[in-house]
Amino acid sequence: MARAVIWHVPVTVTGRTTSLRLFRLRDGRRCAVGFSSAGTLAELLGPEQAAVKLGEPALRALTAPLGIDELVLDPRLVAPPVSGPAADGAARPATGHPATRSGARLQRR
């Protein structure tokens, strides 16, 4: 019998409510993310990020009613650092690389 793969999924906890943290792909579509270990989650989102352990079927069941069918496993970069407006009021070009999703992409269902 195959063992279920458990993901560490980031959540937001507000009082007694726990909700999934959702992200966006480069094209603007929403997606859910999972991490193969608590360490990889902490490296990207910080050690204070709350998480729950879920299998892929459970994560898909939670995101399907929201119209989300993209799951990303172990993303490496979610977005570049955001810089404030330039001192002279002119817009400053973004620094770093464009938002990318370099982790494994799971197939859409």
C-alpha atoms as a PDB file:
ATOM      1  CA  MET A   1       0.000   0.000   0.000  1.00  0.00           C
ATOM      2  CA  ALA A   2       1.381   3.403  -0.998  1.00  0.00           C
ATOM      3  CA  ARG A   3       2.053   5.916   1.738  1.00  0.00           C
ATOM      4  CA  ALA A   4       0.261   9.253   1.474  1.00  0.00           C
ATOM      5  CA  VAL A   5       2.561  12.223   0.956  1.00  0.00           C
ATOM      6  CA  ILE A   6       2.006  14.845   3.630  1.00  0.00           C
ATOM      7  CA  TRP A   7       2.647  18.510   2.834  1.00  0.00           C
ATOM      8  CA  HIS A   8       3.276  21.397   5.186  1.00  0.00           C
ATOM      9  CA  VAL A   9       0.729  24.000   4.055  1.00  0.00           C
ATOM     10  CA  PRO A  10       0.920  27.637   5.225  1.00  0.00           C
ATOM     11  CA  VAL A  11      -2.123  28.963   7.061  1.00  0.00           C
ATOM     12  CA  THR A  12      -3.281  32.150   8.719  1.00  0.00           C
ATOM     13  CA  VAL A  13      -4.561  31.850  12.273  1.00  0.00           C
ATOM     14  CA  THR A  14      -6.919  34.552  13.564  1.00  0.00           C
ATOM     15  CA  GLY A  15      -8.424  33.797  16.942  1.00  0.00           C
ATOM     16  CA  ARG A  16     -10.068  30.389  16.604  1.00  0.00           C
ATOM     17  CA  THR A  17     -10.105  30.508  12.810  1.00  0.00           C
ATOM     18  CA  THR A  18      -7.465  28.833  10.668  1.00  0.00           C
ATOM     19  CA  SER A  19      -7.507  29.474   6.920  1.00  0.00           C
ATOM     20  CA  LEU A  20      -5.261  28.477   4.038  1.00  0.00           C
ATOM     21  CA  ARG A  21      -2.783  31.045   2.787  1.00  0.00           C
ATOM     22  CA  LEU A  22      -3.236  31.324  -0.952  1.00  0.00           C
ATOM     23  CA  PHE A  23      -0.762  32.775  -3.422  1.00  0.00           C
ATOM     24  CA  ARG A  24      -0.737  33.975  -7.029  1.00  0.00           C
ATOM     25  CA  LEU A  25       1.065  32.680 -10.076  1.00  0.00           C
ATOM     26  CA  ARG A  26       2.894  35.096 -12.382  1.00  0.00           C
ATOM     27  CA  ASP A  27      -0.184  35.317 -14.601  1.00  0.00           C
ATOM     28  CA  GLY A  28      -2.377  36.340 -11.642  1.00  0.00           C
ATOM     29  CA  ARG A  29      -4.210  33.056 -11.084  1.00  0.00           C
ATOM     30  CA  ARG A  30      -4.514  31.903  -7.484  1.00  0.00           C
ATOM     31  CA  CYS A  31      -2.732  28.788  -6.287  1.00  0.00           C
ATOM     32  CA  ALA A  32      -2.118  26.818  -3.127  1.00  0.00           C
ATOM     33  CA  VAL A  33       1.362  25.826  -2.035  1.00  0.00           C
ATOM     34  CA  GLY A  34       2.745  22.922  -0.075  1.00  0.00           C
ATOM     35  CA  PHE A  35       6.200  22.254   1.292  1.00  0.00           C
ATOM     36  CA  SER A  36       7.885  18.882   1.632  1.00  0.00           C
ATOM     37  CA  SER A  37       9.194  19.790   5.093  1.00  0.00           C
ATOM     38  CA  ALA A  38       8.694  22.335   7.844  1.00  0.00           C
ATOM     39  CA  GLY A  39      12.261  23.515   7.179  1.00  0.00           C
ATOM     40  CA  THR A  40      11.625  24.437   3.546  1.00  0.00           C
ATOM     41  CA  LEU A  41       8.464  26.296   4.567  1.00  0.00           C
ATOM     42  CA  ALA A  42      10.390  28.248   7.236  1.00  0.00           C
ATOM     43  CA  GLU A  43      13.203  29.106   4.781  1.00  0.00           C
ATOM     44  CA  LEU A  44      10.786  30.827   2.423  1.00  0.00           C
ATOM     45  CA  LEU A  45       8.062  32.200   4.684  1.00  0.00           C
ATOM     46  CA  GLY A  46       9.916  32.561   7.984  1.00  0.00           C
ATOM     47  CA  PRO A  47      10.010  30.515  11.175  1.00  0.00           C
ATOM     48  CA  GLU A  48       6.854  32.165  12.565  1.00  0.00           C
ATOM     49  CA  GLN A  49       4.660  31.023   9.657  1.00  0.00           C
ATOM     50  CA  ALA A  50       1.875  28.766  10.925  1.00  0.00           C
ATOM     51  CA  ALA A  51       1.245  25.578   8.946  1.00  0.00           C
ATOM     52  CA  VAL A  52      -0.895  22.464   8.907  1.00  0.00           C
ATOM     53  CA  LYS A  53      -0.073  19.037   7.512  1.00  0.00           C
ATOM     54  CA  LEU A  54      -2.322  17.972   4.643  1.00  0.00           C
ATOM     55  CA  GLY A  55      -2.274  15.356   1.918  1.00  0.00           C
ATOM     56  CA  GLU A  56      -2.848  16.392  -1.702  1.00  0.00           C
ATOM     57  CA  PRO A  57      -6.455  15.109  -1.786  1.00  0.00           C
ATOM     58  CA  ALA A  58      -7.342  17.183   1.295  1.00  0.00           C
ATOM     59  CA  LEU A  59      -5.680  20.309  -0.105  1.00  0.00           C
ATOM     60  CA  ARG A  60      -7.478  19.873  -3.433  1.00  0.00           C
ATOM     61  CA  ALA A  61     -10.792  19.374  -1.598  1.00  0.00           C
ATOM     62  CA  LEU A  62     -10.274  22.658   0.271  1.00  0.00           C
ATOM     63  CA  THR A  63      -9.267  24.696  -2.771  1.00  0.00           C
ATOM     64  CA  ALA A  64     -11.655  23.283  -5.411  1.00  0.00           C
ATOM     65  CA  PRO A  65     -14.728  25.217  -4.173  1.00  0.00           C
ATOM     66  CA  LEU A  66     -12.653  28.405  -4.548  1.00  0.00           C
ATOM     67  CA  GLY A  67     -11.913  27.610  -8.199  1.00  0.00           C
ATOM     68  CA  ILE A  68      -8.237  26.909  -7.482  1.00  0.00           C
ATOM     69  CA  ASP A  69      -6.784  23.948  -9.343  1.00  0.00           C
ATOM     70  CA  GLU A  70      -3.079  24.837  -9.297  1.00  0.00           C
ATOM     71  CA  LEU A  71      -0.880  23.418  -6.540  1.00  0.00           C
ATOM     72  CA  VAL A  72       2.809  24.284  -6.245  1.00  0.00           C
ATOM     73  CA  LEU A  73       5.185  22.110  -4.251  1.00  0.00           C
ATOM     74  CA  ASP A  74       8.275  23.722  -2.681  1.00  0.00           C
ATOM     75  CA  PRO A  75       8.215  27.145  -4.362  1.00  0.00           C
ATOM     76  CA  ARG A  76      11.540  28.956  -4.135  1.00  0.00           C
ATOM     77  CA  LEU A  77      10.618  32.575  -4.729  1.00  0.00           C
ATOM     78  CA  VAL A  78       7.174  34.010  -4.287  1.00  0.00           C
ATOM     79  CA  ALA A  79       7.817  37.676  -5.114  1.00  0.00           C
ATOM     80  CA  PRO A  80      10.680  40.152  -5.352  1.00  0.00           C
ATOM     81  CA  PRO A  81      11.241  42.638  -2.527  1.00  0.00           C
ATOM     82  CA  VAL A  82       8.938  45.659  -2.743  1.00  0.00           C
ATOM     83  CA  SER A  83      10.644  49.032  -2.767  1.00  0.00           C
ATOM     84  CA  GLY A  84       9.021  52.321  -1.835  1.00  0.00           C
ATOM     85  CA  PRO A  85       8.711  55.350  -4.121  1.00  0.00           C
ATOM     86  CA  ALA A  86      11.877  57.218  -5.055  1.00  0.00           C
ATOM     87  CA  ALA A  87      12.793  60.306  -3.033  1.00  0.00           C
ATOM     88  CA  ASP A  88      12.015  62.591  -6.008  1.00  0.00           C
ATOM     89  CA  GLY A  89       8.552  61.041  -6.431  1.00  0.00           C
ATOM     90  CA  ALA A  90       9.445  59.211  -9.653  1.00  0.00           C
ATOM     91  CA  ALA A  91       8.558  55.555  -9.878  1.00  0.00           C
ATOM     92  CA  ARG A  92      11.484  53.253  -9.243  1.00  0.00           C
ATOM     93  CA  PRO A  93      11.946  50.100 -11.318  1.00  0.00           C
ATOM     94  CA  ALA A  94      11.446  46.887  -9.383  1.00  0.00           C
ATOM     95  CA  THR A  95      14.598  45.312  -8.053  1.00  0.00           C
ATOM     96  CA  GLY A  96      15.442  41.653  -8.301  1.00  0.00           C
ATOM     97  CA  HIS A  97      13.862  39.180 -10.607  1.00  0.00           C
ATOM     98  CA  PRO A  98      10.211  38.997 -11.571  1.00  0.00           C
ATOM     99  CA  ALA A  99       8.027  36.839  -9.369  1.00  0.00           C
ATOM    100  CA  THR A 100       8.756  33.253 -10.176  1.00  0.00           C
ATOM    101  CA  ARG A 101       7.610  29.863  -9.133  1.00  0.00           C
ATOM    102  CA  SER A 102      10.652  27.676  -9.406  1.00  0.00           C
ATOM    103  CA  GLY A 103       9.344  24.741  -7.432  1.00  0.00           C
ATOM    104  CA  ALA A 104       7.749  21.688  -8.930  1.00  0.00           C
ATOM    105  CA  ARG A 105       4.391  22.287 -10.558  1.00  0.00           C
ATOM    106  CA  LEU A 106       1.718  19.727 -10.001  1.00  0.00           C
ATOM    107  CA  GLN A 107      -0.665  18.891 -12.749  1.00  0.00           C
ATOM    108  CA  ARG A 108      -4.036  20.512 -12.917  1.00  0.00           C
ATOM    109  CA  ARG A 109      -7.099  18.358 -12.380  1.00  0.00           C
END
